[in-house]
Amino acid sequence: MNTTIGKYLFFIASFAFWMFLALFTSRLIVDNLTSGHHYSNAVFSLHYLKNSGAAFSLLQNAREFLIIVSIVATTFLFTYVHNHVRSINMISVSFIALLSAGIMSNCHERIVLGYVRDYIHLNFMSFPIFNVADIFITIGVIALVAILLFYKGR
């Protein structure tokens, strides 16, 4: 198979998988939390929170703006993959798919629900409640920055 087509297919399949996983996990956890189930240990606990803003509760009630920013960011990432598909490595493709899926999972919830479902609370430090899509975004950004800083040109 042509490596360019393979990278495209891998990117789309990865994006779809990660997005499905983030949305499925959110629904599963929130459904359990709202039906009375609770979970807590020394590291984290599950608490359901409707977040009408962005990370760290910034931009509260700026739903339309956050939707537009999410769509623009994802369009940029997809365009980047399209324009650099021949030269980009599979590790970068993987992390761009993870980042894009995290962004669009939160965007999907904003469009469909009007808010983002957050539910993971760290018990060992003071940190805002977050969700699986936020983890995908964080991992994607950190990995891509590391790739840009340490592996550019190799």
N, C-alpha and C. Protein backbone atom coordinates (compact mmCIF):
# COMPACT_ATOMS: atom_id res chain seq x y z
N MET A 1 0.85 -1.18 0.00
CA MET A 1 0.00 0.00 0.00
C MET A 1 0.89 1.24 0.00
N ASN A 2 0.46 2.24 -0.68
CA ASN A 2 1.15 3.52 -0.74
C ASN A 2 1.24 4.08 0.68
N THR A 3 2.46 4.52 1.08
CA THR A 3 2.63 5.01 2.45
C THR A 3 1.82 6.28 2.72
N THR A 4 1.61 7.09 1.71
CA THR A 4 0.79 8.30 1.88
C THR A 4 -0.64 7.93 2.22
N ILE A 5 -1.21 7.00 1.47
CA ILE A 5 -2.58 6.55 1.75
C ILE A 5 -2.64 5.87 3.11
N GLY A 6 -1.61 5.08 3.41
CA GLY A 6 -1.55 4.41 4.71
C GLY A 6 -1.54 5.39 5.87
N LYS A 7 -0.78 6.47 5.72
CA LYS A 7 -0.75 7.50 6.77
C LYS A 7 -2.10 8.18 6.92
N TYR A 8 -2.75 8.48 5.79
CA TYR A 8 -4.09 9.08 5.84
C TYR A 8 -5.06 8.15 6.56
N LEU A 9 -5.06 6.88 6.16
CA LEU A 9 -5.98 5.92 6.78
C LEU A 9 -5.68 5.75 8.27
N PHE A 10 -4.41 5.69 8.61
CA PHE A 10 -4.01 5.56 10.01
C PHE A 10 -4.46 6.79 10.80
N PHE A 11 -4.26 7.97 10.23
CA PHE A 11 -4.66 9.21 10.90
C PHE A 11 -6.17 9.23 11.15
N ILE A 12 -6.95 8.94 10.13
CA ILE A 12 -8.41 8.96 10.26
C ILE A 12 -8.89 7.89 11.24
N ALA A 13 -8.33 6.68 11.13
CA ALA A 13 -8.73 5.60 12.04
C ALA A 13 -8.35 5.92 13.49
N SER A 14 -7.16 6.48 13.69
CA SER A 14 -6.73 6.86 15.04
C SER A 14 -7.62 7.96 15.60
N PHE A 15 -7.87 8.96 14.79
CA PHE A 15 -8.74 10.06 15.20
C PHE A 15 -10.11 9.52 15.62
N ALA A 16 -10.71 8.68 14.79
CA ALA A 16 -12.03 8.12 15.09
C ALA A 16 -12.00 7.27 16.35
N PHE A 17 -10.97 6.45 16.51
CA PHE A 17 -10.86 5.61 17.70
C PHE A 17 -10.76 6.43 18.97
N TRP A 18 -9.84 7.42 18.99
CA TRP A 18 -9.64 8.23 20.19
C TRP A 18 -10.87 9.07 20.51
N MET A 19 -11.52 9.59 19.47
CA MET A 19 -12.73 10.39 19.71
C MET A 19 -13.84 9.50 20.28
N PHE A 20 -14.05 8.33 19.70
CA PHE A 20 -15.04 7.39 20.22
C PHE A 20 -14.72 7.04 21.67
N LEU A 21 -13.45 6.75 21.96
CA LEU A 21 -13.05 6.37 23.32
C LEU A 21 -13.34 7.49 24.32
N ALA A 22 -13.03 8.72 23.96
CA ALA A 22 -13.28 9.86 24.87
C ALA A 22 -14.77 10.04 25.11
N LEU A 23 -15.57 10.00 24.06
CA LEU A 23 -17.02 10.20 24.21
C LEU A 23 -17.67 9.03 24.93
N PHE A 24 -17.26 7.80 24.61
CA PHE A 24 -17.81 6.62 25.26
C PHE A 24 -17.48 6.63 26.76
N THR A 25 -16.23 6.94 27.08
CA THR A 25 -15.80 6.97 28.48
C THR A 25 -16.58 8.02 29.26
N SER A 26 -16.73 9.21 28.66
CA SER A 26 -17.49 10.26 29.34
C SER A 26 -18.92 9.82 29.61
N ARG A 27 -19.54 9.25 28.61
CA ARG A 27 -20.93 8.82 28.79
C ARG A 27 -21.04 7.73 29.85
N LEU A 28 -20.15 6.75 29.79
CA LEU A 28 -20.18 5.65 30.74
C LEU A 28 -19.97 6.14 32.18
N ILE A 29 -18.97 6.97 32.38
CA ILE A 29 -18.67 7.46 33.72
C ILE A 29 -19.78 8.36 34.24
N VAL A 30 -20.23 9.30 33.42
CA VAL A 30 -21.28 10.23 33.86
C VAL A 30 -22.58 9.48 34.13
N ASP A 31 -22.93 8.53 33.28
CA ASP A 31 -24.14 7.74 33.53
C ASP A 31 -24.07 7.02 34.86
N ASN A 32 -22.90 6.46 35.19
CA ASN A 32 -22.73 5.78 36.47
C ASN A 32 -22.75 6.74 37.64
N LEU A 33 -22.11 7.90 37.49
CA LEU A 33 -22.10 8.88 38.57
C LEU A 33 -23.48 9.45 38.85
N THR A 34 -24.25 9.70 37.80
CA THR A 34 -25.58 10.27 37.99
C THR A 34 -26.59 9.24 38.48
N SER A 35 -26.24 7.95 38.41
CA SER A 35 -27.14 6.93 38.93
C SER A 35 -26.72 6.47 40.32
N GLY A 36 -25.82 7.21 40.95
CA GLY A 36 -25.49 6.94 42.34
C GLY A 36 -24.18 6.25 42.61
N HIS A 37 -23.47 5.80 41.60
CA HIS A 37 -22.18 5.15 41.81
C HIS A 37 -21.11 6.20 42.06
N HIS A 38 -20.19 5.89 42.96
CA HIS A 38 -19.08 6.81 43.26
C HIS A 38 -17.78 6.02 43.34
N TYR A 39 -16.69 6.69 43.01
CA TYR A 39 -15.39 6.05 43.10
C TYR A 39 -14.38 7.06 43.62
N SER A 40 -13.53 6.59 44.54
CA SER A 40 -12.49 7.45 45.08
C SER A 40 -11.36 6.58 45.62
N ASN A 41 -10.14 7.04 45.43
CA ASN A 41 -8.97 6.42 46.05
C ASN A 41 -7.99 7.54 46.39
N ALA A 42 -6.77 7.19 46.77
CA ALA A 42 -5.80 8.20 47.18
C ALA A 42 -5.36 9.10 46.03
N VAL A 43 -5.43 8.61 44.80
CA VAL A 43 -4.94 9.35 43.65
C VAL A 43 -6.02 10.22 43.03
N PHE A 44 -7.18 9.65 42.75
CA PHE A 44 -8.24 10.41 42.11
C PHE A 44 -9.61 9.94 42.57
N SER A 45 -10.58 10.80 42.31
CA SER A 45 -11.98 10.44 42.55
C SER A 45 -12.79 10.94 41.36
N LEU A 46 -13.97 10.39 41.23
CA LEU A 46 -14.85 10.77 40.13
C LEU A 46 -15.96 11.65 40.66
N HIS A 47 -16.03 12.87 40.15
CA HIS A 47 -17.07 13.84 40.51
C HIS A 47 -17.56 14.48 39.22
N TYR A 48 -18.84 14.45 38.99
CA TYR A 48 -19.41 14.99 37.76
C TYR A 48 -19.59 16.50 37.86
N LEU A 49 -19.11 17.20 36.83
CA LEU A 49 -19.22 18.65 36.77
C LEU A 49 -19.54 19.06 35.34
N LYS A 50 -20.54 19.91 35.17
CA LYS A 50 -20.85 20.47 33.86
C LYS A 50 -19.99 21.72 33.69
N ASN A 51 -19.11 21.69 32.71
CA ASN A 51 -18.17 22.80 32.49
C ASN A 51 -18.60 23.57 31.24
N SER A 52 -19.06 24.78 31.44
CA SER A 52 -19.48 25.61 30.30
C SER A 52 -18.35 26.49 29.79
N GLY A 53 -17.14 26.25 30.28
CA GLY A 53 -15.98 27.02 29.84
C GLY A 53 -14.91 26.13 29.26
N ALA A 54 -13.69 26.62 29.31
CA ALA A 54 -12.54 25.87 28.80
C ALA A 54 -11.73 25.38 30.00
N ALA A 55 -10.48 25.04 29.76
CA ALA A 55 -9.61 24.55 30.81
C ALA A 55 -9.50 25.57 31.95
N PHE A 56 -9.43 25.05 33.17
CA PHE A 56 -9.31 25.86 34.37
C PHE A 56 -10.48 26.83 34.53
N SER A 57 -11.63 26.46 33.98
CA SER A 57 -12.86 27.25 34.05
C SER A 57 -12.73 28.63 33.40
N LEU A 58 -11.80 28.75 32.48
CA LEU A 58 -11.67 30.00 31.73
C LEU A 58 -12.77 30.09 30.69
N LEU A 59 -13.10 31.29 30.29
CA LEU A 59 -14.08 31.55 29.23
C LEU A 59 -15.44 30.89 29.51
N GLN A 60 -15.90 31.01 30.73
CA GLN A 60 -17.21 30.47 31.09
C GLN A 60 -18.29 31.09 30.21
N ASN A 61 -19.20 30.27 29.75
CA ASN A 61 -20.33 30.68 28.92
C ASN A 61 -19.92 31.30 27.58
N ALA A 62 -18.76 30.89 27.07
CA ALA A 62 -18.30 31.35 25.75
C ALA A 62 -18.40 30.17 24.78
N ARG A 63 -19.51 29.47 24.82
CA ARG A 63 -19.72 28.24 24.06
C ARG A 63 -19.42 28.40 22.58
N GLU A 64 -20.03 29.39 21.93
CA GLU A 64 -19.86 29.58 20.48
C GLU A 64 -18.41 29.86 20.13
N PHE A 65 -17.76 30.70 20.92
CA PHE A 65 -16.35 31.01 20.69
C PHE A 65 -15.49 29.76 20.81
N LEU A 66 -15.73 28.94 21.84
CA LEU A 66 -14.95 27.73 22.04
C LEU A 66 -15.20 26.71 20.93
N ILE A 67 -16.41 26.64 20.42
CA ILE A 67 -16.73 25.76 19.30
C ILE A 67 -15.95 26.20 18.06
N ILE A 68 -15.95 27.49 17.78
CA ILE A 68 -15.23 28.02 16.62
C ILE A 68 -13.73 27.77 16.76
N VAL A 69 -13.17 28.03 17.93
CA VAL A 69 -11.74 27.81 18.15
C VAL A 69 -11.40 26.32 17.97
N SER A 70 -12.26 25.45 18.47
CA SER A 70 -12.03 24.01 18.33
C SER A 70 -12.04 23.57 16.87
N ILE A 71 -13.00 24.06 16.12
CA ILE A 71 -13.11 23.70 14.70
C ILE A 71 -11.92 24.25 13.92
N VAL A 72 -11.52 25.48 14.21
CA VAL A 72 -10.37 26.08 13.53
C VAL A 72 -9.09 25.31 13.87
N ALA A 73 -8.90 24.97 15.14
CA ALA A 73 -7.70 24.23 15.55
C ALA A 73 -7.64 22.85 14.89
N THR A 74 -8.77 22.17 14.87
CA THR A 74 -8.80 20.83 14.26
C THR A 74 -8.60 20.93 12.75
N THR A 75 -9.18 21.92 12.12
CA THR A 75 -8.98 22.14 10.68
C THR A 75 -7.50 22.39 10.40
N PHE A 76 -6.86 23.19 11.23
CA PHE A 76 -5.43 23.44 11.08
C PHE A 76 -4.63 22.15 11.18
N LEU A 77 -4.95 21.32 12.19
CA LEU A 77 -4.21 20.06 12.38
C LEU A 77 -4.42 19.10 11.21
N PHE A 78 -5.67 18.99 10.73
CA PHE A 78 -5.95 18.13 9.58
C PHE A 78 -5.23 18.65 8.34
N THR A 79 -5.22 19.96 8.15
CA THR A 79 -4.54 20.57 7.01
C THR A 79 -3.04 20.33 7.09
N TYR A 80 -2.50 20.43 8.29
CA TYR A 80 -1.07 20.17 8.48
C TYR A 80 -0.73 18.75 8.06
N VAL A 81 -1.52 17.79 8.51
CA VAL A 81 -1.27 16.40 8.13
C VAL A 81 -1.38 16.25 6.61
N HIS A 82 -2.40 16.83 6.03
CA HIS A 82 -2.59 16.74 4.57
C HIS A 82 -1.39 17.33 3.81
N ASN A 83 -0.93 18.49 4.23
CA ASN A 83 0.15 19.17 3.52
C ASN A 83 1.53 18.54 3.75
N HIS A 84 1.68 17.80 4.84
CA HIS A 84 2.99 17.23 5.18
C HIS A 84 2.97 15.71 5.26
N VAL A 85 1.97 15.09 4.66
CA VAL A 85 1.79 13.65 4.82
C VAL A 85 3.00 12.85 4.34
N ARG A 86 3.71 13.33 3.36
CA ARG A 86 4.88 12.60 2.84
C ARG A 86 6.07 12.68 3.80
N SER A 87 6.21 13.79 4.50
CA SER A 87 7.40 13.98 5.33
C SER A 87 7.16 13.75 6.83
N ILE A 88 5.92 13.74 7.24
CA ILE A 88 5.62 13.59 8.67
C ILE A 88 5.77 12.12 9.08
N ASN A 89 6.31 11.88 10.27
CA ASN A 89 6.48 10.50 10.72
C ASN A 89 5.20 10.00 11.41
N MET A 90 5.10 8.70 11.54
CA MET A 90 3.89 8.08 12.09
C MET A 90 3.67 8.45 13.56
N ILE A 91 4.73 8.68 14.29
CA ILE A 91 4.56 9.08 15.69
C ILE A 91 3.87 10.43 15.75
N SER A 92 4.29 11.36 14.92
CA SER A 92 3.65 12.68 14.87
C SER A 92 2.20 12.55 14.43
N VAL A 93 1.95 11.72 13.43
CA VAL A 93 0.57 11.48 12.97
C VAL A 93 -0.28 10.97 14.12
N SER A 94 0.27 10.06 14.93
CA SER A 94 -0.46 9.50 16.07
C SER A 94 -0.85 10.58 17.07
N PHE A 95 0.10 11.41 17.40
CA PHE A 95 -0.17 12.44 18.41
C PHE A 95 -1.06 13.56 17.88
N ILE A 96 -0.96 13.86 16.60
CA ILE A 96 -1.88 14.85 16.01
C ILE A 96 -3.30 14.29 16.02
N ALA A 97 -3.45 13.00 15.74
CA ALA A 97 -4.78 12.37 15.80
C ALA A 97 -5.32 12.40 17.23
N LEU A 98 -4.48 12.10 18.22
CA LEU A 98 -4.89 12.13 19.62
C LEU A 98 -5.32 13.53 20.04
N LEU A 99 -4.51 14.53 19.70
CA LEU A 99 -4.83 15.92 20.01
C LEU A 99 -6.13 16.35 19.34
N SER A 100 -6.27 16.06 18.05
CA SER A 100 -7.47 16.43 17.31
C SER A 100 -8.72 15.77 17.90
N ALA A 101 -8.60 14.50 18.27
CA ALA A 101 -9.74 13.78 18.85
C ALA A 101 -10.14 14.38 20.20
N GLY A 102 -9.17 14.76 21.00
CA GLY A 102 -9.49 15.40 22.28
C GLY A 102 -10.22 16.72 22.09
N ILE A 103 -9.72 17.52 21.15
CA ILE A 103 -10.35 18.81 20.87
C ILE A 103 -11.77 18.61 20.37
N MET A 104 -11.95 17.71 19.41
CA MET A 104 -13.27 17.51 18.81
C MET A 104 -14.24 16.79 19.74
N SER A 105 -13.74 15.97 20.65
CA SER A 105 -14.62 15.34 21.64
C SER A 105 -15.24 16.39 22.55
N ASN A 106 -14.42 17.31 23.02
CA ASN A 106 -14.96 18.40 23.84
C ASN A 106 -15.88 19.29 23.01
N CYS A 107 -15.52 19.53 21.76
CA CYS A 107 -16.35 20.34 20.87
C CYS A 107 -17.70 19.66 20.65
N HIS A 108 -17.69 18.36 20.42
CA HIS A 108 -18.94 17.61 20.24
C HIS A 108 -19.86 17.77 21.44
N GLU A 109 -19.30 17.64 22.64
CA GLU A 109 -20.12 17.81 23.85
C GLU A 109 -20.66 19.24 23.96
N ARG A 110 -19.84 20.23 23.60
CA ARG A 110 -20.32 21.62 23.63
C ARG A 110 -21.48 21.83 22.66
N ILE A 111 -21.38 21.24 21.47
CA ILE A 111 -22.44 21.39 20.47
C ILE A 111 -23.70 20.64 20.90
N VAL A 112 -23.55 19.39 21.29
CA VAL A 112 -24.70 18.53 21.59
C VAL A 112 -25.31 18.83 22.95
N LEU A 113 -24.48 18.99 23.97
CA LEU A 113 -24.98 19.15 25.34
C LEU A 113 -25.01 20.61 25.80
N GLY A 114 -24.20 21.44 25.20
CA GLY A 114 -24.09 22.83 25.64
C GLY A 114 -23.01 23.05 26.68
N TYR A 115 -22.32 21.98 27.06
CA TYR A 115 -21.25 22.03 28.06
C TYR A 115 -20.37 20.80 27.87
N VAL A 116 -19.25 20.77 28.59
CA VAL A 116 -18.35 19.62 28.56
C VAL A 116 -18.50 18.88 29.89
N ARG A 117 -18.56 17.55 29.81
CA ARG A 117 -18.68 16.73 31.01
C ARG A 117 -17.28 16.47 31.58
N ASP A 118 -17.01 17.01 32.75
CA ASP A 118 -15.75 16.76 33.45
C ASP A 118 -16.05 15.87 34.65
N TYR A 119 -15.08 15.02 35.02
CA TYR A 119 -15.38 14.06 36.09
C TYR A 119 -14.16 13.53 36.83
N ILE A 120 -12.95 13.80 36.39
CA ILE A 120 -11.76 13.28 37.08
C ILE A 120 -11.20 14.36 37.98
N HIS A 121 -11.11 14.04 39.28
CA HIS A 121 -10.58 14.98 40.27
C HIS A 121 -9.35 14.35 40.91
N LEU A 122 -8.22 15.05 40.88
CA LEU A 122 -7.00 14.55 41.51
C LEU A 122 -7.06 14.84 43.00
N ASN A 123 -6.88 13.81 43.82
CA ASN A 123 -6.99 13.96 45.27
C ASN A 123 -5.69 14.39 45.94
N PHE A 124 -4.57 14.26 45.25
CA PHE A 124 -3.28 14.55 45.86
C PHE A 124 -2.79 15.97 45.60
N MET A 125 -3.56 16.74 44.84
CA MET A 125 -3.18 18.13 44.57
C MET A 125 -4.42 18.94 44.20
N SER A 126 -4.30 20.23 44.32
CA SER A 126 -5.40 21.11 43.95
C SER A 126 -5.33 21.35 42.45
N PHE A 127 -6.28 20.77 41.72
CA PHE A 127 -6.29 20.87 40.27
C PHE A 127 -7.74 20.79 39.81
N PRO A 128 -8.10 21.54 38.77
CA PRO A 128 -9.48 21.49 38.29
C PRO A 128 -9.90 20.10 37.83
N ILE A 129 -11.18 19.82 37.90
CA ILE A 129 -11.73 18.57 37.41
C ILE A 129 -11.63 18.56 35.88
N PHE A 130 -11.31 17.39 35.32
CA PHE A 130 -11.10 17.28 33.87
C PHE A 130 -11.69 15.98 33.36
N ASN A 131 -11.53 15.72 32.05
CA ASN A 131 -12.07 14.50 31.46
C ASN A 131 -11.02 13.80 30.60
N VAL A 132 -11.39 12.70 29.99
CA VAL A 132 -10.46 11.93 29.16
C VAL A 132 -10.00 12.73 27.95
N ALA A 133 -10.90 13.48 27.32
CA ALA A 133 -10.52 14.30 26.17
C ALA A 133 -9.44 15.31 26.56
N ASP A 134 -9.53 15.86 27.76
CA ASP A 134 -8.50 16.79 28.24
C ASP A 134 -7.15 16.09 28.39
N ILE A 135 -7.18 14.83 28.81
CA ILE A 135 -5.94 14.05 28.90
C ILE A 135 -5.35 13.87 27.51
N PHE A 136 -6.19 13.57 26.53
CA PHE A 136 -5.72 13.41 25.15
C PHE A 136 -5.09 14.70 24.64
N ILE A 137 -5.72 15.82 24.93
CA ILE A 137 -5.19 17.12 24.50
C ILE A 137 -3.84 17.38 25.15
N THR A 138 -3.74 17.14 26.44
CA THR A 138 -2.49 17.38 27.17
C THR A 138 -1.36 16.49 26.65
N ILE A 139 -1.64 15.20 26.51
CA ILE A 139 -0.62 14.28 25.99
C ILE A 139 -0.21 14.67 24.57
N GLY A 140 -1.20 14.99 23.73
CA GLY A 140 -0.91 15.38 22.35
C GLY A 140 -0.02 16.61 22.27
N VAL A 141 -0.34 17.63 23.04
CA VAL A 141 0.45 18.87 23.02
C VAL A 141 1.86 18.62 23.54
N ILE A 142 1.98 17.94 24.68
CA ILE A 142 3.31 17.68 25.25
C ILE A 142 4.16 16.86 24.29
N ALA A 143 3.58 15.83 23.71
CA ALA A 143 4.33 14.97 22.79
C ALA A 143 4.75 15.74 21.54
N LEU A 144 3.85 16.53 20.98
CA LEU A 144 4.20 17.28 19.76
C LEU A 144 5.25 18.35 20.04
N VAL A 145 5.19 18.99 21.19
CA VAL A 145 6.23 19.96 21.55
C VAL A 145 7.56 19.25 21.72
N ALA A 146 7.55 18.09 22.37
CA ALA A 146 8.79 17.32 22.54
C ALA A 146 9.35 16.89 21.20
N ILE A 147 8.49 16.45 20.30
CA ILE A 147 8.93 16.05 18.96
C ILE A 147 9.55 17.24 18.23
N LEU A 148 8.88 18.40 18.31
CA LEU A 148 9.41 19.59 17.65
C LEU A 148 10.75 20.03 18.23
N LEU A 149 10.88 19.94 19.55
CA LEU A 149 12.11 20.39 20.20
C LEU A 149 13.28 19.43 20.05
N PHE A 150 13.01 18.13 20.13
CA PHE A 150 14.09 17.17 20.21
C PHE A 150 14.33 16.33 18.96
N TYR A 151 13.33 16.22 18.09
CA TYR A 151 13.47 15.32 16.96
C TYR A 151 13.33 16.00 15.60
N LYS A 152 13.20 17.31 15.58
CA LYS A 152 13.06 18.01 14.32
C LYS A 152 14.33 17.84 13.50
N GLY A 153 14.16 17.38 12.27
CA GLY A 153 15.30 17.22 11.39
C GLY A 153 15.93 15.84 11.42
N ARG A 154 15.49 14.96 12.34
CA ARG A 154 16.05 13.61 12.39
C ARG A 154 15.24 12.68 11.54
